Amino acid sequence: MAASDIGRSPANGKRNYRQEMEKILESLAAPTEDDAPHASANSTLGADAAPARRKPTLLLHACCGPCSSYCIETLVPYFDITIYYYNPNISPQQEYNRRLSELVKFLSRFPDAVSGGVKLVEAQYNPEDFYTATNVRNEPELAAEPERGERCRRCYSLRMGKSYEYAYANGFDWFTTTLSISPHKDAEKINVIGFALEAGAASLADKNKKVTRFLPSDFKKKNGFLRSTQLTEEYGMWRQDYCGCTYSMRKD
């Protein structure tokens, strides 16, 4: 399947992806048999506390610091998080560098990120990846589309696909993206892409390799976007005023 074809939404009704995420997080937090105190022959107390449970690893594709803030706050209690910064859509390069710089500074100052040991991986920046994946040069009508259209769906697919490849190759337990926190992003398309990536990996011939699971999300719900703006202000982060690509810039 071509990258531009991944994530086409079915005609049926929309799912509550925020609720699905919360159920998964609840299951990860639920106690297991390994968490129960166990008797120790050498203990005068009669039972020892179980060792701390290993958090599953999660690769979090992120586009900037402001969008990452609430997502990290929500997910760090449950996961060992590595952020993957892959955004060839961002133009110009100075804008790309500024967003990355703000993210790096935020991770060094945000207590949840510091105590949670959140790591950052920067992927190669090549704007041609964006133009090739969206095919906007050969389909100029896509350039005039408002956000949430086909151009954006292809961009989601590119960035999430590349990020999932990294997660799968490096044995991450879970993968998700910060993209759904924006009111300008289509959470349905984002989640359809994520599940398609997981299903594609599951269909590969190597059945001995662990499949990285996709964590559904709609981070904007339950005041998630509002909380991200509050954290942005609290930590003095610069917030961009357009999505990233040249076609999403305000034409005032």
Protein backbone atom coordinates (compact mmCIF):
# COMPACT_ATOMS: atom_id res chain seq x y z
CA MET A 1 0.00 0.00 0.00
CA ALA A 2 1.35 3.43 -0.95
CA ALA A 3 1.94 5.87 1.90
CA SER A 4 -0.58 8.27 0.39
CA ASP A 5 -3.28 5.57 0.54
CA ILE A 6 -2.86 4.74 4.23
CA GLY A 7 -5.56 6.05 6.51
CA ARG A 8 -8.58 6.49 4.30
CA SER A 9 -11.52 6.59 6.69
CA PRO A 10 -14.32 4.03 6.43
CA ALA A 11 -17.86 5.25 5.90
CA ASN A 12 -19.07 4.03 9.28
CA GLY A 13 -19.48 6.16 12.39
CA LYS A 14 -16.63 7.75 14.29
CA ARG A 15 -15.11 6.09 17.33
CA ASN A 16 -14.31 7.69 20.67
CA TYR A 17 -10.53 7.46 20.48
CA ARG A 18 -9.99 9.37 23.69
CA GLN A 19 -12.07 6.81 25.57
CA GLU A 20 -10.19 3.96 23.91
CA MET A 21 -6.88 5.48 25.01
CA GLU A 22 -8.07 5.86 28.58
CA LYS A 23 -9.15 2.23 28.76
CA ILE A 24 -5.71 1.15 27.58
CA LEU A 25 -4.02 3.38 30.14
CA GLU A 26 -6.24 1.94 32.88
CA SER A 27 -5.26 -1.56 31.86
CA LEU A 28 -1.57 -0.64 32.00
CA ALA A 29 -2.00 0.77 35.50
CA ALA A 30 -4.00 -2.20 36.81
CA PRO A 31 -2.12 -4.43 39.27
CA THR A 32 -0.91 -7.82 38.07
CA GLU A 33 0.14 -10.99 39.88
CA ASP A 34 3.74 -9.80 39.68
CA ASP A 35 2.82 -6.69 41.66
CA ALA A 36 1.52 -8.63 44.67
CA PRO A 37 3.76 -8.73 47.79
CA HIS A 38 5.59 -12.02 48.05
CA ALA A 39 6.86 -13.87 51.07
CA SER A 40 10.58 -13.98 51.67
CA ALA A 41 12.28 -16.66 53.71
CA ASN A 42 14.90 -14.14 54.84
CA SER A 43 12.46 -11.36 55.70
CA THR A 44 11.43 -10.69 59.28
CA LEU A 45 8.47 -8.68 57.98
CA GLY A 46 6.93 -11.74 56.32
CA ALA A 47 6.54 -10.10 52.89
CA ASP A 48 8.58 -7.97 50.56
CA ALA A 49 7.27 -5.29 48.29
CA ALA A 50 7.32 -6.31 44.66
CA PRO A 51 9.95 -4.65 42.47
CA ALA A 52 8.82 -1.66 40.45
CA ARG A 53 7.05 -2.65 37.27
CA ARG A 54 8.84 -1.87 34.01
CA LYS A 55 6.98 0.76 32.06
CA PRO A 56 6.29 -0.17 28.45
CA THR A 57 8.20 1.89 25.92
CA LEU A 58 6.38 4.39 23.73
CA LEU A 59 7.61 6.33 20.71
CA LEU A 60 5.76 9.65 20.58
CA HIS A 61 5.89 11.45 17.26
CA ALA A 62 5.89 15.18 18.06
CA CYS A 63 5.68 18.32 15.97
CA CYS A 64 6.63 20.94 18.59
CA GLY A 65 6.95 21.71 22.29
CA PRO A 66 3.49 23.19 22.87
CA CYS A 67 1.72 20.18 21.37
CA SER A 68 4.00 17.78 23.27
CA SER A 69 3.39 19.34 26.68
CA TYR A 70 -0.02 17.94 27.58
CA CYS A 71 0.67 14.66 25.80
CA ILE A 72 3.77 14.07 27.92
CA GLU A 73 1.89 15.04 31.08
CA THR A 74 -0.83 12.52 30.23
CA LEU A 75 1.36 9.62 29.13
CA VAL A 76 4.50 9.73 31.27
CA PRO A 77 2.90 7.98 34.28
CA TYR A 78 2.34 4.93 32.06
CA PHE A 79 5.22 4.83 29.58
CA ASP A 80 8.94 5.18 29.11
CA ILE A 81 8.70 7.86 26.40
CA THR A 82 10.99 8.66 23.51
CA ILE A 83 9.97 11.61 21.33
CA TYR A 84 10.56 11.29 17.60
CA TYR A 85 10.86 14.62 15.82
CA TYR A 86 10.15 13.96 12.16
CA ASN A 87 8.56 16.93 10.40
CA PRO A 88 9.77 17.54 6.84
CA ASN A 89 6.56 19.48 6.21
CA ILE A 90 7.76 22.43 8.31
CA SER A 91 8.89 25.36 6.21
CA PRO A 92 11.19 27.26 6.17
CA GLN A 93 14.09 25.50 7.89
CA GLN A 94 14.46 28.35 10.38
CA GLU A 95 10.93 27.55 11.55
CA TYR A 96 11.80 23.87 11.83
CA ASN A 97 14.88 24.67 13.91
CA ARG A 98 12.98 27.05 16.18
CA ARG A 99 10.28 24.50 16.96
CA LEU A 100 12.90 21.85 17.71
CA SER A 101 14.80 24.26 19.94
CA GLU A 102 11.65 25.07 21.93
CA LEU A 103 10.95 21.37 22.37
CA VAL A 104 14.48 20.69 23.62
CA LYS A 105 14.27 23.53 26.14
CA PHE A 106 10.87 22.40 27.36
CA LEU A 107 12.02 18.82 27.92
CA SER A 108 14.91 20.07 30.05
CA ARG A 109 12.58 22.18 32.25
CA PHE A 110 9.31 20.29 32.51
CA PRO A 111 9.38 18.21 35.73
CA ASP A 112 7.29 15.39 34.26
CA ALA A 113 9.70 15.03 31.34
CA VAL A 114 12.79 15.24 33.55
CA SER A 115 11.61 12.79 36.22
CA GLY A 116 10.17 10.50 33.56
CA GLY A 117 13.44 10.40 31.63
CA VAL A 118 11.80 11.48 28.36
CA LYS A 119 14.27 11.16 25.49
CA LEU A 120 14.39 12.87 22.10
CA VAL A 121 15.39 11.56 18.68
CA GLU A 122 15.62 13.94 15.73
CA ALA A 123 15.06 12.38 12.32
CA GLN A 124 16.60 13.73 9.13
CA TYR A 125 15.03 16.91 7.82
CA ASN A 126 14.35 16.66 4.10
CA PRO A 127 11.47 18.85 2.80
CA GLU A 128 11.37 16.82 -0.42
CA ASP A 129 9.85 13.99 1.61
CA PHE A 130 6.81 16.18 2.17
CA TYR A 131 6.40 17.26 -1.45
CA THR A 132 6.83 13.71 -2.72
CA ALA A 133 4.37 12.19 -0.24
CA THR A 134 1.66 14.79 -0.77
CA ASN A 135 2.20 15.06 -4.54
CA VAL A 136 1.04 18.65 -4.25
CA ARG A 137 3.23 19.80 -7.13
CA ASN A 138 1.40 17.50 -9.54
CA GLU A 139 -1.99 18.11 -7.94
CA PRO A 140 -1.96 21.89 -7.45
CA GLU A 141 -5.56 21.90 -6.27
CA LEU A 142 -4.28 20.40 -3.00
CA ALA A 143 -2.32 23.59 -2.29
CA ALA A 144 -5.56 25.58 -1.94
CA GLU A 145 -7.25 23.10 0.41
CA PRO A 146 -8.04 24.20 3.97
CA GLU A 147 -6.50 22.13 6.74
CA ARG A 148 -7.97 18.66 7.45
CA GLY A 149 -8.19 17.84 3.72
CA GLU A 150 -6.40 15.30 1.52
CA ARG A 151 -3.08 17.14 1.53
CA CYS A 152 -3.05 16.99 5.32
CA ARG A 153 -4.05 13.33 5.39
CA ARG A 154 -1.10 12.47 3.17
CA CYS A 155 1.17 14.51 5.44
CA TYR A 156 -0.10 12.69 8.54
CA SER A 157 0.55 9.40 6.77
CA LEU A 158 4.10 10.36 5.87
CA ARG A 159 5.12 11.52 9.33
CA MET A 160 3.36 8.77 11.22
CA GLY A 161 4.58 6.11 8.80
CA LYS A 162 8.22 7.14 9.14
CA SER A 163 7.86 7.32 12.92
CA TYR A 164 6.20 3.92 13.13
CA GLU A 165 9.00 2.41 11.05
CA TYR A 166 11.48 3.66 13.65
CA ALA A 167 9.35 2.36 16.52
CA TYR A 168 8.98 -1.07 14.94
CA ALA A 169 12.65 -1.36 13.98
CA ASN A 170 13.74 -0.44 17.50
CA GLY A 171 11.33 -2.70 19.36
CA PHE A 172 9.08 -0.12 20.98
CA ASP A 173 6.00 -1.50 22.69
CA TRP A 174 3.73 1.36 21.65
CA PHE A 175 3.54 4.26 19.22
CA THR A 176 1.39 7.38 18.97
CA THR A 177 1.52 11.02 17.86
CA THR A 178 0.78 14.44 19.32
CA LEU A 179 -1.05 15.51 16.15
CA SER A 180 -4.55 14.92 17.52
CA ILE A 181 -4.18 17.66 20.13
CA SER A 182 -4.70 20.36 17.51
CA PRO A 183 -8.27 21.52 16.80
CA HIS A 184 -7.13 21.87 13.17
CA LYS A 185 -6.23 18.19 12.81
CA ASP A 186 -8.61 15.37 11.90
CA ALA A 187 -8.38 12.82 14.73
CA GLU A 188 -10.35 10.23 12.76
CA LYS A 189 -7.83 10.25 9.92
CA ILE A 190 -4.91 10.21 12.35
CA ASN A 191 -6.20 7.15 14.20
CA VAL A 192 -7.14 5.26 11.05
CA ILE A 193 -3.56 5.75 9.85
CA GLY A 194 -2.17 4.51 13.16
CA PHE A 195 -4.21 1.33 13.20
CA ALA A 196 -3.36 0.68 9.54
CA LEU A 197 0.35 0.91 10.36
CA GLU A 198 -0.02 -1.59 13.20
CA ALA A 199 -2.02 -3.95 11.00
CA GLY A 200 0.57 -3.69 8.25
CA ALA A 201 3.36 -4.66 10.62
CA ALA A 202 1.30 -7.55 11.96
CA SER A 203 0.89 -8.92 8.43
CA LEU A 204 4.63 -9.14 7.77
CA ALA A 205 6.21 -12.54 7.28
CA ASP A 206 8.47 -12.36 10.37
CA LYS A 207 6.07 -13.60 13.03
CA ASN A 208 8.86 -13.72 15.61
CA LYS A 209 9.22 -9.95 15.75
CA LYS A 210 7.11 -8.05 18.26
CA VAL A 211 4.58 -5.73 16.65
CA THR A 212 4.57 -2.18 17.97
CA ARG A 213 1.02 -1.33 19.02
CA PHE A 214 -0.69 1.92 18.12
CA LEU A 215 -2.10 3.93 21.02
CA PRO A 216 -5.31 5.65 19.85
CA SER A 217 -5.80 9.24 20.94
CA ASP A 218 -7.75 12.43 20.63
CA PHE A 219 -5.67 14.60 22.92
CA LYS A 220 -7.69 17.74 22.28
CA LYS A 221 -10.66 16.26 24.16
CA LYS A 222 -11.24 16.82 27.89
CA ASN A 223 -9.62 20.28 27.62
CA GLY A 224 -6.36 18.80 26.36
CA PHE A 225 -5.74 21.64 23.94
CA LEU A 226 -6.57 24.19 26.65
CA ARG A 227 -4.12 22.52 29.01
CA SER A 228 -1.42 22.64 26.34
CA THR A 229 -1.92 26.41 26.00
CA GLN A 230 -1.68 26.78 29.78
CA LEU A 231 1.58 24.84 29.90
CA THR A 232 2.90 26.85 26.96
CA GLU A 233 2.29 30.06 28.86
CA GLU A 234 3.59 28.68 32.16
CA TYR A 235 6.91 27.65 30.61
CA GLY A 236 7.23 30.67 28.34
CA MET A 237 7.22 28.60 25.17
CA TRP A 238 6.96 30.25 21.80
CA ARG A 239 3.85 28.99 19.98
CA GLN A 240 3.77 28.98 16.20
CA ASP A 241 0.77 30.43 14.34
CA TYR A 242 0.52 27.91 11.49
CA CYS A 243 0.70 24.13 11.16
CA GLY A 244 4.04 23.96 9.39
CA CYS A 245 3.87 23.67 5.64
CA THR A 246 3.94 26.68 3.37
CA TYR A 247 0.33 26.04 2.35
CA SER A 248 -0.91 26.40 5.93
CA MET A 249 0.68 29.82 6.48
CA ARG A 250 -1.76 32.62 7.12
CA LYS A 251 -2.26 34.73 4.02
CA ASP A 252 -3.13 38.01 5.77
